Structure formats: C-alpha cells, structure tokens
C-alpha atoms as a PDB file:
ATOM      1  CA  MET A   1     -10.744  -5.504   6.238  1.00  0.00           C
ATOM      2  CA  GLU A   2      -8.384  -7.065   8.718  1.00  0.00           C
ATOM      3  CA  TYR A   3      -6.732 -10.411   8.176  1.00  0.00           C
ATOM      4  CA  VAL A   4      -4.160 -12.526   9.972  1.00  0.00           C
ATOM      5  CA  ILE A   5      -1.518 -14.664   8.278  1.00  0.00           C
ATOM      6  CA  LYS A   6      -1.788 -17.834  10.360  1.00  0.00           C
ATOM      7  CA  LYS A   7       0.201 -20.212   8.160  1.00  0.00           C
ATOM      8  CA  ILE A   8       2.661 -19.995   5.278  1.00  0.00           C
ATOM      9  CA  GLY A   9       2.704 -22.812   2.728  1.00  0.00           C
ATOM     10  CA  TYR A  10       6.091 -24.461   2.367  1.00  0.00           C
ATOM     11  CA  GLY A  11       5.951 -25.170  -1.348  1.00  0.00           C
ATOM     12  CA  ALA A  12       4.741 -21.756  -2.459  1.00  0.00           C
ATOM     13  CA  LEU A  13       7.358 -19.908  -0.435  1.00  0.00           C
ATOM     14  CA  ALA A  14      10.099 -22.325  -1.537  1.00  0.00           C
ATOM     15  CA  LYS A  15       9.269 -21.707  -5.217  1.00  0.00           C
ATOM     16  CA  ILE A  16       9.449 -17.942  -4.779  1.00  0.00           C
ATOM     17  CA  TYR A  17      12.723 -18.127  -2.852  1.00  0.00           C
ATOM     18  CA  ALA A  18      14.188 -20.573  -5.396  1.00  0.00           C
ATOM     19  CA  LEU A  19      13.489 -18.114  -8.210  1.00  0.00           C
ATOM     20  CA  ILE A  20      15.093 -15.329  -6.186  1.00  0.00           C
ATOM     21  CA  GLY A  21      18.053 -17.660  -5.606  1.00  0.00           C
ATOM     22  CA  VAL A  22      18.439 -18.267  -9.353  1.00  0.00           C
ATOM     23  CA  ILE A  23      18.423 -14.519 -10.056  1.00  0.00           C
ATOM     24  CA  ILE A  24      20.972 -13.791  -7.325  1.00  0.00           C
ATOM     25  CA  GLY A  25      23.048 -16.788  -8.453  1.00  0.00           C
ATOM     26  CA  LEU A  26      23.172 -15.389 -11.988  1.00  0.00           C
ATOM     27  CA  ILE A  27      24.237 -11.979 -10.693  1.00  0.00           C
ATOM     28  CA  TYR A  28      26.984 -13.586  -8.616  1.00  0.00           C
ATOM     29  CA  GLY A  29      27.815 -15.748 -11.624  1.00  0.00           C
ATOM     30  CA  ILE A  30      28.801 -12.712 -13.676  1.00  0.00           C
ATOM     31  CA  PHE A  31      31.511 -11.843 -11.180  1.00  0.00           C
ATOM     32  CA  ALA A  32      32.431 -15.452 -10.478  1.00  0.00           C
ATOM     33  CA  PHE A  33      32.938 -16.103 -14.195  1.00  0.00           C
ATOM     34  CA  PHE A  34      35.806 -13.650 -14.499  1.00  0.00           C
ATOM     35  CA  ILE A  35      37.425 -14.710 -11.250  1.00  0.00           C
ATOM     36  CA  ALA A  36      37.052 -18.425 -12.025  1.00  0.00           C
ATOM     37  CA  THR A  37      38.355 -17.993 -15.573  1.00  0.00           C
ATOM     38  CA  ALA A  38      41.511 -16.317 -14.294  1.00  0.00           C
ATOM     39  CA  ALA A  39      42.010 -18.878 -11.524  1.00  0.00           C
ATOM     40  CA  ILE A  40      41.421 -21.920 -13.733  1.00  0.00           C
ATOM     41  CA  ASP A  41      43.559 -20.453 -16.521  1.00  0.00           C
ATOM     42  CA  ALA A  42      46.417 -20.021 -14.059  1.00  0.00           C
ATOM     43  CA  LEU A  43      46.149 -23.715 -13.180  1.00  0.00           C
ATOM     44  CA  LEU A  44      45.531 -25.224 -16.632  1.00  0.00           C
ATOM     45  CA  LYS A  45      47.360 -22.693 -18.853  1.00  0.00           C
ATOM     46  CA  ASN A  46      44.541 -23.011 -21.411  1.00  0.00           C
ATOM     47  CA  LEU A  47      42.174 -20.040 -21.625  1.00  0.00           C
ATOM     48  CA  ILE A  48      39.466 -21.741 -23.714  1.00  0.00           C
ATOM     49  CA  ILE A  49      39.101 -24.712 -21.380  1.00  0.00           C
ATOM     50  CA  ALA A  50      39.225 -22.365 -18.399  1.00  0.00           C
ATOM     51  CA  ALA A  51      36.458 -20.193 -19.868  1.00  0.00           C
ATOM     52  CA  VAL A  52      34.234 -23.212 -20.572  1.00  0.00           C
ATOM     53  CA  ILE A  53      34.699 -24.611 -17.066  1.00  0.00           C
ATOM     54  CA  ALA A  54      34.145 -21.171 -15.522  1.00  0.00           C
ATOM     55  CA  PHE A  55      31.002 -20.654 -17.636  1.00  0.00           C
ATOM     56  CA  ILE A  56      29.510 -23.969 -16.512  1.00  0.00           C
ATOM     57  CA  LEU A  57      30.335 -23.295 -12.859  1.00  0.00           C
ATOM     58  CA  SER A  58      29.204 -19.659 -12.888  1.00  0.00           C
ATOM     59  CA  PHE A  59      26.039 -19.766 -14.962  1.00  0.00           C
ATOM     60  CA  ILE A  60      24.728 -23.291 -14.410  1.00  0.00           C
ATOM     61  CA  VAL A  61      26.029 -24.723 -11.134  1.00  0.00           C
ATOM     62  CA  LEU A  62      26.021 -21.517  -9.056  1.00  0.00           C
ATOM     63  CA  PRO A  63      22.365 -20.553  -9.813  1.00  0.00           C
ATOM     64  CA  ILE A  64      21.229 -24.124  -9.071  1.00  0.00           C
ATOM     65  CA  VAL A  65      23.103 -24.141  -5.751  1.00  0.00           C
ATOM     66  CA  PHE A  66      21.656 -20.728  -4.833  1.00  0.00           C
ATOM     67  CA  ALA A  67      18.131 -21.883  -5.766  1.00  0.00           C
ATOM     68  CA  LEU A  68      18.446 -24.975  -3.576  1.00  0.00           C
ATOM     69  CA  MET A  69      19.879 -22.996  -0.646  1.00  0.00           C
ATOM     70  CA  TYR A  70      17.175 -20.329  -0.852  1.00  0.00           C
ATOM     71  CA  ALA A  71      14.384 -22.921  -1.183  1.00  0.00           C
ATOM     72  CA  LEU A  72      15.709 -24.804   1.858  1.00  0.00           C
ATOM     73  CA  LEU A  73      15.914 -21.561   3.848  1.00  0.00           C
ATOM     74  CA  ALA A  74      12.355 -20.693   2.809  1.00  0.00           C
ATOM     75  CA  ILE A  75      11.089 -24.032   4.105  1.00  0.00           C
ATOM     76  CA  VAL A  76      12.920 -23.502   7.405  1.00  0.00           C
ATOM     77  CA  PHE A  77      11.584 -19.936   7.715  1.00  0.00           C
ATOM     78  CA  ALA A  78       8.026 -21.050   6.923  1.00  0.00           C
ATOM     79  CA  PHE A  79       8.272 -23.847   9.496  1.00  0.00           C
ATOM     80  CA  ILE A  80       9.537 -21.446  12.178  1.00  0.00           C
ATOM     81  CA  TYR A  81       6.892 -18.851  11.284  1.00  0.00           C
ATOM     82  CA  ASN A  82       4.115 -21.441  11.472  1.00  0.00           C
ATOM     83  CA  LEU A  83       5.320 -22.588  14.905  1.00  0.00           C
ATOM     84  CA  ILE A  84       5.497 -19.039  16.241  1.00  0.00           C
ATOM     85  CA  ALA A  85       2.172 -18.048  14.647  1.00  0.00           C
ATOM     86  CA  ASN A  86       0.486 -20.948  16.449  1.00  0.00           C
ATOM     87  CA  LEU A  87       1.862 -19.707  19.767  1.00  0.00           C
ATOM     88  CA  VAL A  88       1.464 -15.931  19.572  1.00  0.00           C
ATOM     89  CA  GLY A  89      -0.742 -15.365  16.533  1.00  0.00           C
ATOM     90  CA  GLY A  90       0.110 -14.432  12.994  1.00  0.00           C
ATOM     91  CA  ILE A  91       0.950 -11.157  11.323  1.00  0.00           C
ATOM     92  CA  GLU A  92      -2.056  -8.851  11.254  1.00  0.00           C
ATOM     93  CA  ILE A  93      -2.633  -6.927   8.035  1.00  0.00           C
ATOM     94  CA  THR A  94      -5.279  -4.415   7.046  1.00  0.00           C
ATOM     95  CA  LEU A  95      -6.426  -4.380   3.433  1.00  0.00           C
ATOM     96  CA  ILE A  96      -8.303  -1.637   1.593  1.00  0.00           C
ATOM     97  CA  GLU A  97      -9.830  -1.593  -1.860  1.00  0.00           C
ATOM     98  CA  LYS A  98      -7.583  -0.576  -4.711  1.00  0.00           C
ATOM     99  CA  GLY A  99      -8.017   3.083  -5.552  1.00  0.00           C
ATOM    100  CA  SER A 100      -9.470   3.934  -2.160  1.00  0.00           C
ATOM    101  CA  ASN A 101      -8.170   7.112  -0.525  1.00  0.00           C
ATOM    102  CA  VAL A 102      -8.956   5.878   2.964  1.00  0.00           C
ATOM    103  CA  ASN A 103      -6.027   5.585   5.373  1.00  0.00           C
ATOM    104  CA  PRO A 104      -6.969   2.935   7.926  1.00  0.00           C
ATOM    105  CA  PRO A 105      -6.093   3.731  11.523  1.00  0.00           C
ATOM    106  CA  PHE A 106      -3.494   1.587  13.256  1.00  0.00           C
ATOM    107  CA  LYS A 107      -4.482  -0.449  16.286  1.00  0.00           C
ATOM    108  CA  LYS A 108      -2.595   0.161  19.485  1.00  0.00           C
END
C-alpha cells in the first residue's frame, strides 16, 4: 500500500512538538536549577530564596517557554511542508501489514 503525505495538520503537530518541548525543558531545567541557584545566591546572599527562584524558573518557566517555542516551530515547519508538498508532491510512504515478512521494493 502506497500513500503520500500531502498535508500536515498544524494543531496536531504543534501539540506533539509542545510535549517534546516540555520534556526537553525539564531536562534543561535540571541543569539550569543548579546554575541559577548559584548565580542568584551570589546576588542575593540568601540560599533559600535563591533556590525557590531557581526552582520556579527552571521547572515551571523554562518548560513553558520550550513548549511555546517548539509549538511555534512546528506550525512554521508544517506551513512550509504544506507549501512545498503542494508544489512538488508529498512524502511517499509504503505501508505493509503488521507481522508481514514482505520487504516491499523501492521505486526508482
């Protein structure tokens, strides 16, 4: 079975990319927390306040910012893909049934 991806939906792709952005933002947040705590502590000379501010920035603000950036990029990528797919055609994929041992030949 051969299919062509002619159009990518903006909302669906944005949701997926936003979730990926949250995950990556949390991973970055782990490292940012320690760096931000040290930097804020050096400025305020109060470790508890510095840790609270760093926690909020690293584990709440950073994942939200990453989610918004990734969702915006997904919308841009989907828009560009849809424009190009209209001009030259979409991505062609060949599907086989699950569990099938058939290797479909590639078109040249």
